[in-house]
Protein backbone atom coordinates (compact mmCIF):
# COMPACT_ATOMS: atom_id res chain seq x y z
CA MET A 1 54.75 121.42 -147.04
CA LYS A 2 52.76 118.90 -144.95
CA ASP A 3 55.28 116.18 -145.76
CA LEU A 4 58.23 118.13 -144.35
CA SER A 5 59.90 116.64 -141.32
CA GLN A 6 60.05 118.71 -138.17
CA SER A 7 63.80 119.12 -138.52
CA ALA A 8 63.42 120.32 -142.12
CA ALA A 9 60.74 122.84 -141.13
CA GLN A 10 62.90 124.11 -138.27
CA SER A 11 65.85 124.46 -140.62
CA ILE A 12 63.78 126.50 -143.10
CA LEU A 13 62.50 128.82 -140.37
CA HIS A 14 65.93 129.14 -138.83
CA ASN A 15 67.48 130.18 -142.15
CA CYS A 16 64.56 132.30 -143.36
CA PRO A 17 65.73 135.84 -144.33
CA THR A 18 62.76 137.34 -142.44
CA ALA A 19 63.61 137.91 -138.79
CA MET A 20 61.32 135.92 -136.45
CA LEU A 21 60.92 135.93 -132.69
CA LEU A 22 58.88 133.44 -130.63
CA ILE A 23 57.36 134.68 -127.37
CA ALA A 24 55.66 132.39 -124.84
CA ASP A 25 52.40 133.31 -123.12
CA ASN A 26 54.33 133.97 -119.90
CA GLY A 27 56.12 136.81 -121.70
CA LYS A 28 59.47 135.08 -122.04
CA ILE A 29 61.42 134.83 -125.28
CA GLN A 30 61.19 131.22 -126.48
CA ASP A 31 63.31 131.25 -129.62
CA PHE A 32 64.40 133.25 -132.68
CA ASN A 33 66.03 132.59 -136.03
CA LYS A 34 69.37 133.62 -137.54
CA ALA A 35 67.95 136.76 -139.16
CA PHE A 36 66.70 138.01 -135.80
CA ALA A 37 70.04 137.16 -134.18
CA ALA A 38 71.72 139.31 -136.84
CA LEU A 39 69.46 142.21 -135.87
CA VAL A 40 70.46 142.19 -132.21
CA GLY A 41 74.08 141.05 -132.48
CA GLU A 42 75.80 139.80 -129.33
CA ALA A 43 72.65 140.37 -127.29
CA ALA A 44 71.19 137.25 -128.92
CA THR A 45 73.22 134.99 -126.61
CA THR A 46 71.30 136.24 -123.55
CA LEU A 47 67.79 136.38 -124.99
CA LYS A 48 66.41 132.84 -124.72
CA GLY A 49 64.27 132.60 -121.62
CA ALA A 50 64.59 136.32 -120.96
CA PRO A 51 61.42 138.37 -120.29
CA GLN A 52 60.03 140.56 -123.07
CA ALA A 53 60.81 143.66 -121.08
CA ASP A 54 64.53 143.05 -121.49
CA GLY A 55 65.95 146.51 -122.14
CA LEU A 56 68.31 145.26 -124.84
CA ILE A 57 65.52 144.74 -127.38
CA ALA A 58 62.67 146.71 -125.80
CA SER A 59 62.13 148.82 -128.93
CA LEU A 60 61.65 145.64 -131.01
CA LEU A 61 58.83 144.51 -128.73
CA GLY A 62 56.76 147.69 -128.72
CA PRO A 63 53.16 147.91 -129.95
CA GLY A 64 53.85 149.82 -133.18
CA SER A 65 53.60 148.32 -136.66
CA VAL A 66 56.90 150.00 -137.62
CA VAL A 67 59.84 150.27 -135.24
CA ASN A 68 63.16 152.07 -135.41
CA TRP A 69 66.21 149.95 -134.64
CA ILE A 70 69.96 150.60 -134.47
CA MET A 71 71.96 147.64 -135.77
CA PRO A 72 75.03 146.35 -133.92
CA ASP A 73 77.24 148.17 -136.47
CA GLY A 74 75.41 151.45 -135.77
CA ASP A 75 73.32 151.40 -138.94
CA GLU A 76 69.77 152.72 -138.45
CA ARG A 77 66.96 150.50 -139.73
CA TRP A 78 63.19 150.70 -139.94
CA LEU A 79 61.36 147.41 -139.45
CA ALA A 80 57.75 146.54 -140.24
CA VAL A 81 56.34 144.25 -137.53
CA GLU A 82 53.57 141.67 -137.72
CA SER A 83 52.45 139.31 -134.96
CA SER A 84 50.58 136.02 -135.18
CA THR A 85 49.59 133.23 -132.83
CA ILE A 86 50.53 129.64 -133.67
CA ASP A 87 47.47 127.42 -134.13
CA ALA A 88 49.32 124.27 -133.08
CA ASP A 89 50.57 125.95 -129.92
CA PRO A 90 48.24 128.75 -128.72
CA GLY A 91 50.71 129.65 -126.00
CA LEU A 92 53.20 130.99 -128.53
CA THR A 93 53.22 134.25 -130.48
CA VAL A 94 55.55 134.81 -133.41
CA ARG A 95 56.69 138.30 -134.44
CA PHE A 96 57.96 138.87 -137.97
CA TYR A 97 60.34 141.74 -138.78
CA GLN A 98 60.73 143.00 -142.34
CA ASP A 99 63.36 145.62 -143.23
CA VAL A 100 61.54 148.61 -144.76
CA THR A 101 64.40 151.08 -144.36
CA GLU A 102 64.59 151.85 -148.07
CA LYS A 103 60.84 152.46 -148.25
CA MET A 104 61.01 154.80 -145.26
CA ARG A 105 63.98 156.64 -146.78
CA LEU A 106 62.11 157.13 -150.04
CA LYS A 107 59.01 158.26 -148.14
CA LYS A 108 61.01 160.86 -146.20
CA GLU A 109 62.67 162.07 -149.40
CA ARG A 110 59.27 162.36 -151.09
CA GLU A 111 57.82 164.30 -148.15
CA ALA A 112 60.86 166.61 -148.06
CA LEU A 113 60.54 167.20 -151.82
CA GLN A 114 56.81 167.91 -151.51
CA LYS A 115 57.52 170.36 -148.70
CA ALA A 116 60.24 172.08 -150.75
CA LEU A 117 57.98 172.30 -153.80
CA LYS A 118 55.18 173.72 -151.67
CA GLN A 119 57.54 176.33 -150.21
CA GLN A 120 58.76 177.27 -153.70
CA ALA A 121 55.31 177.42 -155.28
CA ILE A 122 54.79 180.77 -156.99
CA LYS A 123 51.03 180.84 -156.34
CA ASP A 124 49.38 180.43 -152.95
CA GLU A 125 47.93 176.93 -152.56
CA GLN A 126 44.65 178.03 -150.96
CA LEU A 127 44.26 181.30 -152.85
CA PRO A 128 45.56 180.67 -156.39
CA GLY A 129 44.79 184.27 -157.36
CA LEU A 130 47.53 185.43 -154.97
CA LEU A 131 51.28 184.91 -154.94
CA SER A 132 52.96 182.83 -152.24
CA ARG A 133 55.65 184.43 -150.07
CA TYR A 134 58.22 182.78 -152.33
CA GLY A 135 56.40 184.17 -155.37
CA ILE A 136 56.44 187.64 -153.80
CA GLU A 137 60.15 187.37 -153.04
CA ILE A 138 61.00 186.30 -156.59
CA SER A 139 58.81 189.00 -158.14
CA LEU A 140 60.01 191.66 -155.70
CA GLU A 141 63.73 191.42 -156.45
CA PRO A 142 63.64 193.21 -159.86
CA LEU A 143 61.22 195.80 -158.45
CA VAL A 144 63.64 196.62 -155.62
CA SER A 145 66.48 196.90 -158.13
CA ARG A 146 64.40 199.19 -160.33
CA SER A 147 63.44 201.36 -157.35
CA ARG A 148 67.09 201.70 -156.40
CA ARG A 149 68.26 202.43 -159.96
CA TYR A 150 65.64 205.07 -160.78
CA ASN A 151 65.19 206.39 -157.24
CA THR A 152 61.45 205.68 -157.30
CA PRO A 153 59.44 204.77 -154.21
CA LEU A 154 58.39 201.19 -153.44
CA SER A 155 56.43 200.26 -150.33
CA LEU A 156 55.31 197.04 -148.67
CA VAL A 157 52.29 196.48 -146.45
CA CYS A 158 51.86 193.26 -144.49
CA VAL A 159 48.36 192.52 -143.22
CA SER A 160 47.28 190.09 -140.51
CA ILE A 161 43.63 189.36 -139.78
CA ASP A 162 41.76 187.97 -136.81
CA SER A 163 38.16 186.81 -136.80
CA SER A 164 35.89 184.52 -134.80
CA GLN A 165 34.18 183.40 -138.02
CA ASP A 166 35.39 180.57 -140.24
CA ARG A 167 39.03 181.54 -140.90
CA ASP A 168 39.02 180.33 -144.50
CA LYS A 169 36.00 182.51 -145.28
CA ALA A 170 37.59 185.52 -143.61
CA ILE A 171 40.82 185.02 -145.56
CA THR A 172 38.92 184.73 -148.83
CA LYS A 173 36.94 187.93 -148.11
CA ILE A 174 40.10 189.91 -147.33
CA SER A 175 41.90 188.53 -150.38
CA TYR A 176 39.08 189.86 -152.60
CA LEU A 177 39.22 193.21 -150.82
CA LEU A 178 42.99 193.54 -151.27
CA LYS A 179 42.81 192.67 -154.97
CA ASP A 180 39.98 195.17 -155.41
CA GLN A 181 41.78 198.01 -153.60
CA THR A 182 45.18 197.64 -155.28
CA ARG A 183 46.27 198.59 -158.80
CA TRP A 184 47.10 196.17 -161.61
CA ALA A 185 50.82 196.90 -161.18
CA ASP A 186 50.76 196.05 -157.46
CA LEU A 187 51.42 192.55 -156.16
CA VAL A 188 49.25 190.76 -153.61
CA GLY A 189 50.53 187.64 -151.85
CA CYS A 190 49.79 185.41 -148.90
CA THR A 191 52.21 183.61 -146.58
CA SER A 192 51.83 180.05 -145.33
CA GLY A 193 50.56 181.54 -142.06
CA HIS A 194 47.90 183.47 -144.03
CA ASP A 195 49.34 186.93 -143.56
CA PHE A 196 48.94 189.09 -146.65
CA ILE A 197 51.72 191.00 -148.43
CA LEU A 198 51.10 194.02 -150.66
CA VAL A 199 53.91 195.26 -152.93
CA LEU A 200 53.04 198.80 -153.96
CA GLN A 201 55.04 200.18 -156.88
CA GLU A 202 55.64 203.94 -157.21
CA THR A 203 54.20 204.33 -153.71
CA THR A 204 55.71 206.20 -150.77
CA GLN A 205 55.28 205.11 -147.18
CA ALA A 206 52.82 207.98 -146.65
CA ALA A 207 50.73 206.82 -149.61
CA ALA A 208 50.87 203.25 -148.33
CA LEU A 209 49.46 204.46 -145.01
CA GLN A 210 46.63 206.14 -146.91
CA LEU A 211 45.84 202.76 -148.47
CA VAL A 212 45.87 201.22 -144.99
CA ASP A 213 43.29 203.85 -143.89
CA LYS A 214 41.17 202.95 -146.91
CA LEU A 215 41.38 199.21 -146.19
CA ALA A 216 40.48 199.78 -142.54
CA THR A 217 37.42 201.76 -143.59
CA ARG A 218 36.30 199.06 -146.00
CA ILE A 219 36.73 196.38 -143.34
CA THR A 220 34.64 198.47 -140.95
CA HIS A 221 31.85 198.61 -143.55
CA MET A 222 32.11 194.84 -144.06
CA ASN A 223 31.81 194.31 -140.31
CA ASN A 224 28.62 196.39 -140.09
CA SER A 225 26.71 193.62 -141.86
CA ALA A 226 28.75 190.69 -140.52
CA GLU A 227 27.83 188.50 -137.57
CA ASN A 228 31.51 187.88 -136.79
CA PRO A 229 33.69 190.94 -137.45
CA ILE A 230 37.15 190.80 -138.99
CA HIS A 231 39.98 192.75 -137.37
CA ALA A 232 43.25 193.60 -139.08
CA CYS A 233 46.64 195.01 -138.23
CA TYR A 234 49.33 196.26 -140.60
CA GLY A 235 53.09 196.54 -140.95
CA VAL A 236 54.36 199.19 -143.37
CA THR A 237 57.80 199.88 -144.80
CA GLU A 238 59.42 201.60 -147.80
CA SER A 239 62.38 200.43 -149.86
CA GLN A 240 65.80 201.86 -148.97
CA LYS A 241 68.99 202.12 -151.03
CA ASN A 242 70.64 199.00 -149.62
CA ASP A 243 67.53 196.82 -149.70
CA ASP A 244 67.05 193.54 -151.47
CA ALA A 245 63.81 191.56 -151.62
CA GLU A 246 64.51 189.61 -148.44
CA SER A 247 65.52 192.61 -146.32
CA ILE A 248 62.49 194.71 -147.18
CA LEU A 249 60.19 191.73 -146.60
CA GLU A 250 61.79 191.07 -143.22
CA ARG A 251 61.30 194.71 -142.19
CA ALA A 252 57.66 194.73 -143.23
CA GLU A 253 57.03 191.46 -141.36
CA ALA A 254 58.86 192.79 -138.30
CA ALA A 255 56.59 195.85 -138.34
CA LEU A 256 53.56 193.55 -138.61
CA SER A 257 54.82 191.51 -135.68
CA LYS A 258 55.03 194.72 -133.66
CA ALA A 259 51.50 195.67 -134.72
CA ARG A 260 50.19 192.32 -133.47
CA GLN A 261 51.42 193.21 -130.00
CA ASN A 262 49.11 196.23 -130.06
CA ASP A 263 45.35 196.21 -130.45
CA CYS A 264 43.84 194.99 -133.71
CA GLY A 265 43.23 197.86 -136.10
CA THR A 266 46.70 199.39 -135.78
CA ALA A 267 49.41 200.07 -138.34
CA VAL A 268 53.07 200.05 -137.35
CA VAL A 269 55.55 201.88 -139.54
CA ASP A 270 58.96 200.25 -139.91
CA PRO A 271 61.03 201.70 -137.04
CA ALA A 272 64.13 201.64 -139.28
CA LEU A 273 62.65 204.46 -141.38
CA ALA A 274 61.32 206.68 -138.65
CA GLN A 275 60.46 206.65 -135.00
CA GLU A 276 57.97 203.91 -134.34
CA ALA A 277 54.48 205.21 -135.07
CA VAL A 278 51.32 203.40 -134.18
CA ARG A 279 48.26 204.80 -135.84
CA GLU A 280 44.87 203.73 -134.61
CA GLN A 281 42.57 202.64 -137.42
CA ARG A 282 38.81 202.45 -137.41
CA SER A 283 37.83 198.80 -136.83
């Protein structure tokens, strides 16, 4: 490479498929190659001698290592950027632009797939002994159908907790409590926001409220020996004839949302079943 003439070296750089931009120490654009000209289209004719701050290519001159750029034909591209000073001419900086659009597309697709898989995971990621909300929904559908067919009761209780102690520890404690206080046929799940869902088979709304009383009492006993108490609120509903898994879940979560607006330690019964009732629990 040392034996190349200046004209040959310039020709190689000019025709290099990697876009290059030369910037002088006074901030003005000194030169660029054909690949860079292709990036900016007609704007290339006005760039030489223009200041860096030129609005036409401002996004290409930002500080990031990856920049987003819209091509002259409207195509969106992602470009990896590297800068280097020129030893033979310290007053010049060269910026190299490599098209990484395909890599970014694949990265976004991978992240979207990971998110979808996480949302559709049957088990909760943090508490593998519990179902995820998706797992509850999938498991709940045949139970709702069975309740409707045989006219048997089915109730849902949603539980939200609040504590000044380490949240992960509080969630783990309550998850053990819920598993301990429910029957083998009941389902216990946890949403991505760490609200709990109890699916209680062969259980009326009144019986579900009795379980809520029992849970509140147990939490009170836990708090007696705890430095940072845990407070809980509850949303309760019972399956109706026209329910499916999603509708009964939405009603239970709506009741829980209403309970959150009240003091911790309250249970709100689904207003669609009866007049709204807020029952104070021991906390």
